[in-house]
N, C-alpha and C. Protein backbone atom coordinates (compact mmCIF):
# COMPACT_ATOMS: atom_id res chain seq x y z
N UNK A 1 -37.25 163.84 121.37
CA UNK A 1 -37.94 162.71 120.88
C UNK A 1 -37.84 162.84 119.40
N UNK A 2 -38.37 163.96 118.82
CA UNK A 2 -38.39 164.24 117.45
C UNK A 2 -37.03 164.28 116.61
N UNK A 3 -36.03 164.49 117.40
CA UNK A 3 -34.77 164.53 116.72
C UNK A 3 -34.34 163.20 116.37
N UNK A 4 -34.69 162.29 117.27
CA UNK A 4 -34.25 160.76 117.14
C UNK A 4 -35.10 160.20 115.87
N UNK A 5 -36.35 160.43 115.73
CA UNK A 5 -37.22 159.96 114.59
C UNK A 5 -36.80 160.75 113.43
N UNK A 6 -36.25 162.00 113.46
CA UNK A 6 -36.00 162.60 112.31
C UNK A 6 -34.53 162.00 111.88
N UNK A 7 -33.66 161.65 112.66
CA UNK A 7 -32.38 161.03 112.29
C UNK A 7 -32.68 159.74 111.65
N UNK A 8 -33.53 158.83 112.29
CA UNK A 8 -33.81 157.69 111.85
C UNK A 8 -34.22 157.68 110.18
N UNK A 9 -35.33 158.73 110.11
CA UNK A 9 -35.84 158.90 108.75
C UNK A 9 -34.59 159.40 107.79
N UNK A 10 -33.89 160.17 108.29
CA UNK A 10 -32.65 160.66 107.30
C UNK A 10 -31.91 159.42 106.81
N UNK A 11 -31.60 158.43 107.89
CA UNK A 11 -30.74 157.24 107.81
C UNK A 11 -31.59 156.45 106.78
N UNK A 12 -32.83 156.30 106.96
CA UNK A 12 -33.54 155.15 106.00
C UNK A 12 -33.51 155.95 104.58
N UNK A 13 -33.92 157.17 104.50
CA UNK A 13 -33.79 157.78 103.08
C UNK A 13 -32.53 157.68 102.54
N UNK A 14 -31.47 157.86 103.24
CA UNK A 14 -30.02 157.59 102.59
C UNK A 14 -29.79 156.20 102.24
N UNK A 15 -30.21 155.18 102.87
CA UNK A 15 -30.10 153.67 102.34
C UNK A 15 -30.88 153.49 101.26
N UNK A 16 -32.06 153.86 101.27
CA UNK A 16 -33.00 153.55 100.17
C UNK A 16 -32.56 154.38 99.04
N UNK A 17 -32.26 155.49 99.03
CA UNK A 17 -31.83 156.53 97.95
C UNK A 17 -30.51 155.78 97.19
N UNK A 18 -29.77 155.23 97.98
CA UNK A 18 -28.37 154.40 97.50
C UNK A 18 -28.97 153.17 96.46
N UNK A 19 -30.14 152.54 97.05
CA UNK A 19 -30.64 151.32 96.18
C UNK A 19 -31.30 151.81 95.27
N UNK A 20 -32.05 152.83 95.39
CA UNK A 20 -32.90 153.36 94.17
C UNK A 20 -32.23 153.92 93.00
N UNK A 21 -31.16 154.44 93.22
CA UNK A 21 -30.35 155.08 92.17
C UNK A 21 -29.77 154.13 91.29
N UNK A 22 -29.70 152.96 91.87
CA UNK A 22 -29.08 151.72 90.91
C UNK A 22 -30.25 151.33 89.79
N UNK A 23 -31.49 151.69 90.21
CA UNK A 23 -32.68 151.13 89.32
C UNK A 23 -32.98 152.29 88.34
N UNK A 24 -32.50 153.46 88.49
CA UNK A 24 -32.66 154.34 87.31
C UNK A 24 -31.99 154.04 86.05
N UNK A 25 -32.88 154.27 85.10
CA UNK A 25 -32.38 153.84 83.72
C UNK A 25 -31.84 154.97 82.85
N UNK A 26 -31.80 156.19 83.41
CA UNK A 26 -31.25 157.28 82.61
C UNK A 26 -29.83 157.16 82.58
N UNK A 27 -29.24 157.18 81.46
CA UNK A 27 -27.81 156.89 81.27
C UNK A 27 -26.79 157.99 81.96
N UNK A 28 -27.31 159.26 82.16
CA UNK A 28 -26.75 160.33 82.87
C UNK A 28 -26.44 159.95 84.21
N UNK A 29 -27.42 159.30 84.77
CA UNK A 29 -27.24 158.78 86.06
C UNK A 29 -26.78 157.49 86.31
N UNK A 30 -27.20 156.64 85.46
CA UNK A 30 -26.65 155.10 85.56
C UNK A 30 -25.11 155.05 85.50
N UNK A 31 -24.59 155.81 84.45
CA UNK A 31 -23.25 155.64 84.16
C UNK A 31 -22.33 156.51 85.20
N UNK A 32 -22.80 157.42 85.90
CA UNK A 32 -21.95 158.32 86.80
C UNK A 32 -21.44 157.69 88.00
N UNK A 33 -21.97 156.48 88.36
CA UNK A 33 -21.36 156.09 89.66
C UNK A 33 -21.64 156.96 90.67
N UNK A 34 -23.06 157.04 91.11
CA UNK A 34 -23.37 158.19 92.11
C UNK A 34 -23.27 157.55 93.54
N UNK A 35 -22.72 158.20 94.42
CA UNK A 35 -22.87 157.90 95.72
C UNK A 35 -23.52 158.88 96.50
N UNK A 36 -24.58 158.35 97.43
CA UNK A 36 -25.33 159.30 98.07
C UNK A 36 -24.50 159.32 99.60
N UNK A 37 -24.13 160.71 99.72
CA UNK A 37 -23.27 160.95 101.01
C UNK A 37 -24.17 161.53 102.07
N UNK A 38 -25.41 161.86 101.80
CA UNK A 38 -26.15 162.37 102.96
C UNK A 38 -27.71 162.85 102.49
N UNK A 39 -28.46 162.65 103.63
CA UNK A 39 -29.92 163.18 103.55
C UNK A 39 -30.21 163.82 104.69
N UNK A 40 -31.13 165.11 104.17
CA UNK A 40 -31.64 165.91 105.31
C UNK A 40 -33.00 166.07 105.03
N UNK A 41 -33.73 165.66 105.93
CA UNK A 41 -35.35 165.84 105.58
C UNK A 41 -35.86 166.76 106.60
N UNK A 42 -36.67 167.88 106.14
CA UNK A 42 -37.11 168.76 106.98
C UNK A 42 -37.94 168.41 108.08
N UNK A 43 -38.18 168.97 109.12
CA UNK A 43 -39.05 168.41 110.16
C UNK A 43 -40.53 168.07 109.87
N UNK A 44 -40.99 168.85 108.73
CA UNK A 44 -42.38 168.49 108.46
C UNK A 44 -42.53 167.50 107.20
N UNK A 45 -41.26 167.02 107.08
CA UNK A 45 -41.10 165.80 105.91
C UNK A 45 -41.66 166.12 104.66
N UNK A 46 -41.67 167.44 104.24
CA UNK A 46 -42.02 167.85 102.91
C UNK A 46 -40.94 167.98 102.07
N UNK A 47 -39.83 168.12 102.39
CA UNK A 47 -38.63 168.47 101.58
C UNK A 47 -37.52 167.56 102.08
N UNK A 48 -36.55 167.13 101.20
CA UNK A 48 -35.49 166.53 101.39
C UNK A 48 -34.29 166.83 100.59
N UNK A 49 -33.16 167.16 101.17
CA UNK A 49 -32.03 167.34 100.28
C UNK A 49 -31.14 166.09 100.37
N UNK A 50 -30.90 165.80 99.41
CA UNK A 50 -29.97 164.56 99.08
C UNK A 50 -28.64 164.88 98.50
N UNK A 51 -27.67 164.88 99.35
CA UNK A 51 -26.27 165.00 98.86
C UNK A 51 -25.60 163.68 98.32
N UNK A 52 -24.84 164.22 97.18
CA UNK A 52 -24.39 163.11 96.36
C UNK A 52 -22.92 163.48 95.72
N UNK A 53 -22.30 162.42 95.59
CA UNK A 53 -20.94 162.70 94.72
C UNK A 53 -20.94 161.70 93.50
N UNK A 54 -20.23 161.94 92.61
CA UNK A 54 -20.17 161.07 91.24
C UNK A 54 -18.80 160.87 90.93
N UNK A 55 -18.38 159.80 90.22
CA UNK A 55 -17.00 159.63 89.82
C UNK A 55 -16.95 159.97 88.40
N UNK A 56 -17.96 159.69 87.63
CA UNK A 56 -17.72 159.97 86.22
C UNK A 56 -18.75 160.90 85.64
N UNK A 57 -18.56 161.47 84.43
CA UNK A 57 -19.57 162.26 83.72
C UNK A 57 -19.65 163.80 84.29
N UNK A 58 -20.09 164.59 83.42
CA UNK A 58 -20.22 165.92 83.76
C UNK A 58 -21.15 166.11 84.80
N UNK A 59 -20.91 167.31 85.74
CA UNK A 59 -21.61 167.44 86.86
C UNK A 59 -23.04 168.07 86.29
N UNK A 60 -22.93 168.82 85.32
CA UNK A 60 -24.25 169.43 85.03
C UNK A 60 -25.32 168.43 84.29
N UNK A 61 -24.63 167.55 83.63
CA UNK A 61 -25.42 166.33 83.04
C UNK A 61 -26.10 165.40 84.08
N UNK A 62 -25.25 165.09 84.94
CA UNK A 62 -25.64 164.17 86.10
C UNK A 62 -26.68 164.93 87.00
N UNK A 63 -26.48 166.19 87.23
CA UNK A 63 -27.61 167.00 87.87
C UNK A 63 -28.91 167.08 87.05
N UNK A 64 -28.78 167.34 85.91
CA UNK A 64 -29.91 167.22 84.89
C UNK A 64 -30.68 165.92 84.88
N UNK A 65 -29.85 164.80 84.84
CA UNK A 65 -30.44 163.58 84.90
C UNK A 65 -31.19 163.08 86.26
N UNK A 66 -30.51 163.57 87.44
CA UNK A 66 -31.15 163.33 88.66
C UNK A 66 -32.49 164.13 88.73
N UNK A 67 -32.47 165.48 88.31
CA UNK A 67 -33.64 166.40 88.25
C UNK A 67 -34.66 165.81 87.46
N UNK A 68 -34.48 165.19 86.21
CA UNK A 68 -35.46 164.50 85.35
C UNK A 68 -36.15 163.10 85.88
N UNK A 69 -35.11 162.51 86.92
CA UNK A 69 -35.51 161.28 87.52
C UNK A 69 -36.13 161.41 88.81
N UNK A 70 -36.55 162.51 89.34
CA UNK A 70 -36.81 162.85 90.73
C UNK A 70 -38.30 162.23 90.78
N UNK A 71 -39.13 162.39 89.95
CA UNK A 71 -40.54 161.80 90.06
C UNK A 71 -40.49 160.34 90.31
N UNK A 72 -39.51 159.54 89.62
CA UNK A 72 -39.44 158.19 89.55
C UNK A 72 -38.77 157.88 91.16
N UNK A 73 -37.76 158.58 91.10
CA UNK A 73 -37.20 158.31 92.58
C UNK A 73 -37.94 158.44 93.66
N UNK A 74 -38.77 159.52 93.74
CA UNK A 74 -39.75 159.75 94.77
C UNK A 74 -40.77 158.77 94.82
N UNK A 75 -41.21 158.18 93.64
CA UNK A 75 -42.34 157.15 93.68
C UNK A 75 -41.72 155.84 94.48
N UNK A 76 -40.45 155.56 94.02
CA UNK A 76 -39.96 154.49 94.53
C UNK A 76 -39.61 154.62 96.04
N UNK A 77 -39.19 155.67 96.44
CA UNK A 77 -39.19 156.03 97.85
C UNK A 77 -40.31 155.89 98.74
N UNK A 78 -41.56 156.36 97.99
CA UNK A 78 -42.76 156.21 98.75
C UNK A 78 -43.18 154.82 98.86
N UNK A 79 -42.78 153.89 98.01
CA UNK A 79 -43.24 152.48 97.93
C UNK A 79 -42.36 151.71 99.18
N UNK A 80 -41.04 152.22 99.35
CA UNK A 80 -40.27 151.58 100.28
C UNK A 80 -40.49 152.15 101.58
N UNK A 81 -40.75 153.35 101.85
CA UNK A 81 -40.59 153.98 103.14
C UNK A 81 -42.27 154.12 103.65
N UNK A 82 -42.60 153.89 104.83
CA UNK A 82 -44.09 153.84 105.16
C UNK A 82 -44.19 155.31 105.98
N UNK A 83 -44.27 156.41 105.09
CA UNK A 83 -44.32 157.66 105.72
C UNK A 83 -45.77 158.51 105.06
N UNK A 84 -46.39 159.01 105.82
CA UNK A 84 -47.63 159.91 105.55
C UNK A 84 -47.27 160.71 104.28
N UNK A 85 -46.17 161.48 104.45
CA UNK A 85 -45.81 162.20 103.28
C UNK A 85 -44.58 161.78 102.68
N UNK A 86 -44.43 161.77 101.44
CA UNK A 86 -43.07 161.52 100.76
C UNK A 86 -42.52 162.74 100.33
N UNK A 87 -41.26 163.14 100.81
CA UNK A 87 -40.63 164.40 100.73
C UNK A 87 -40.28 164.62 99.18
N UNK A 88 -40.38 165.84 98.84
CA UNK A 88 -39.94 166.42 97.55
C UNK A 88 -38.52 166.27 97.62
N UNK A 89 -37.70 165.93 96.57
CA UNK A 89 -36.42 165.81 96.59
C UNK A 89 -35.66 166.83 95.78
N UNK A 90 -34.62 167.21 96.47
CA UNK A 90 -33.71 168.14 95.84
C UNK A 90 -32.35 167.73 95.86
N UNK A 91 -31.47 167.62 94.82
CA UNK A 91 -30.29 166.86 94.88
C UNK A 91 -29.21 168.11 94.79
N UNK A 92 -28.03 167.86 95.72
CA UNK A 92 -27.28 168.72 95.88
C UNK A 92 -25.74 168.11 95.88
N UNK A 93 -24.90 168.56 94.96
CA UNK A 93 -23.56 168.01 94.75
C UNK A 93 -22.86 168.10 96.06
N UNK A 94 -22.08 166.97 96.50
CA UNK A 94 -21.32 167.05 97.85
C UNK A 94 -19.89 166.92 97.25
N UNK A 95 -19.36 168.17 97.30
CA UNK A 95 -17.74 168.17 97.02
C UNK A 95 -16.88 167.63 98.03
N UNK A 96 -17.18 167.40 99.10
CA UNK A 96 -16.57 167.10 100.38
C UNK A 96 -15.46 165.96 99.95
N UNK A 97 -15.77 164.87 99.21
CA UNK A 97 -14.87 163.81 98.92
C UNK A 97 -13.75 164.21 97.87
N UNK A 98 -13.97 165.23 97.04
CA UNK A 98 -13.13 165.49 95.97
C UNK A 98 -12.19 166.49 96.81
N UNK A 99 -12.69 167.29 97.77
CA UNK A 99 -11.93 168.26 98.67
C UNK A 99 -10.93 167.36 99.40
N UNK A 100 -11.37 166.43 100.02
CA UNK A 100 -10.61 165.74 101.13
C UNK A 100 -9.49 165.01 100.04
N UNK A 101 -9.96 164.38 99.05
CA UNK A 101 -8.77 163.81 98.17
C UNK A 101 -7.62 164.89 97.67
N UNK A 102 -8.23 165.97 97.51
CA UNK A 102 -7.03 167.13 97.10
C UNK A 102 -6.27 167.43 98.33
N UNK A 103 -6.84 167.54 99.35
CA UNK A 103 -6.02 167.63 100.62
C UNK A 103 -5.06 166.70 100.99
N UNK A 104 -5.52 165.35 100.74
CA UNK A 104 -4.60 164.29 100.96
C UNK A 104 -3.51 164.23 100.05
N UNK A 105 -3.80 164.64 98.66
CA UNK A 105 -2.60 164.72 97.67
C UNK A 105 -1.75 165.62 98.02
N UNK A 106 -2.09 166.87 98.62
CA UNK A 106 -1.35 167.98 99.05
C UNK A 106 -0.45 167.52 100.25
N UNK A 107 -1.09 166.90 101.03
CA UNK A 107 -0.26 166.32 102.24
C UNK A 107 0.86 165.23 101.88
N UNK A 108 0.34 164.39 100.97
CA UNK A 108 1.41 163.40 100.76
C UNK A 108 2.43 163.78 100.01
N UNK A 109 2.38 165.05 99.24
CA UNK A 109 3.61 165.75 98.70
C UNK A 109 4.39 166.55 99.43
N UNK A 110 4.25 166.62 100.72
CA UNK A 110 4.97 167.32 101.65
C UNK A 110 6.19 166.43 102.17
N UNK A 111 7.18 167.01 102.28
CA UNK A 111 8.39 166.51 102.79
C UNK A 111 8.66 166.77 104.12
N UNK A 112 9.04 165.89 105.10
CA UNK A 112 9.35 166.31 106.45
C UNK A 112 10.91 166.43 106.80
N UNK A 113 11.18 167.54 107.20
CA UNK A 113 12.67 167.70 107.66
C UNK A 113 12.54 167.97 109.09
N UNK A 114 13.76 167.48 109.81
CA UNK A 114 13.89 167.64 111.30
C UNK A 114 14.79 168.58 111.42
N UNK A 115 14.42 169.94 111.92
CA UNK A 115 15.27 170.95 112.12
C UNK A 115 16.31 170.73 113.38
N UNK A 116 16.12 170.03 114.01
CA UNK A 116 17.05 169.69 115.27
C UNK A 116 18.32 168.90 114.74
N UNK A 117 18.08 167.96 113.57
CA UNK A 117 19.22 167.36 112.99
C UNK A 117 20.27 168.33 111.99
N UNK A 118 19.38 169.38 111.43
CA UNK A 118 20.30 170.28 110.58
C UNK A 118 20.95 171.07 111.67
N UNK A 119 20.60 171.57 112.79
CA UNK A 119 21.31 172.41 113.77
C UNK A 119 22.53 171.74 114.15
N UNK A 120 22.25 170.47 114.62
CA UNK A 120 23.34 169.62 115.11
C UNK A 120 24.53 169.31 113.96
N UNK A 121 24.16 169.16 112.80
CA UNK A 121 25.12 168.98 111.71
C UNK A 121 25.90 170.33 111.55
N UNK A 122 25.42 171.43 111.63
CA UNK A 122 26.07 172.72 111.43
C UNK A 122 27.01 172.97 112.52
N UNK A 123 26.48 172.66 113.73
CA UNK A 123 27.26 172.91 114.74
C UNK A 123 28.61 172.17 114.90
N UNK A 124 28.54 170.79 114.40
CA UNK A 124 29.61 169.73 114.21
C UNK A 124 30.50 170.28 113.15
N UNK A 125 30.18 170.88 112.14
CA UNK A 125 30.94 171.37 110.94
C UNK A 125 31.66 172.66 111.23
N UNK A 126 31.25 173.38 112.32
CA UNK A 126 32.05 174.58 112.76
C UNK A 126 33.25 174.01 113.71
N UNK A 127 33.20 173.13 114.34
CA UNK A 127 34.16 172.53 115.22
C UNK A 127 35.45 172.09 114.58
N UNK A 128 35.23 171.52 113.27
CA UNK A 128 36.48 170.93 112.43
C UNK A 128 37.39 172.10 112.03
């Protein structure tokens, strides 16, 4: 039963964080086009890890901006979610999107060759 509740809380935190980050006025956060990719709240609801990726800006500056905005974000989260305890937020960069894009670019660069066609053409050349 607790797993289902925690899963719903993670989903709600994820959804609300995506909306709250649009309201942050810190230019390091506002201009970075941040996407929240995941949220993991501990079972006691005291701590939450927020996984994010960004399109622009320096990773260190975006991280500093989120850390400095954590109090504002937490307060907004408390206003929107009806929880007894509002978790303390820890922001973690999620590199999976960049890693996936890198793998996709590597795969698109590969060329496919059919070995059976090459074997047949060599055999035909030997007969002439």
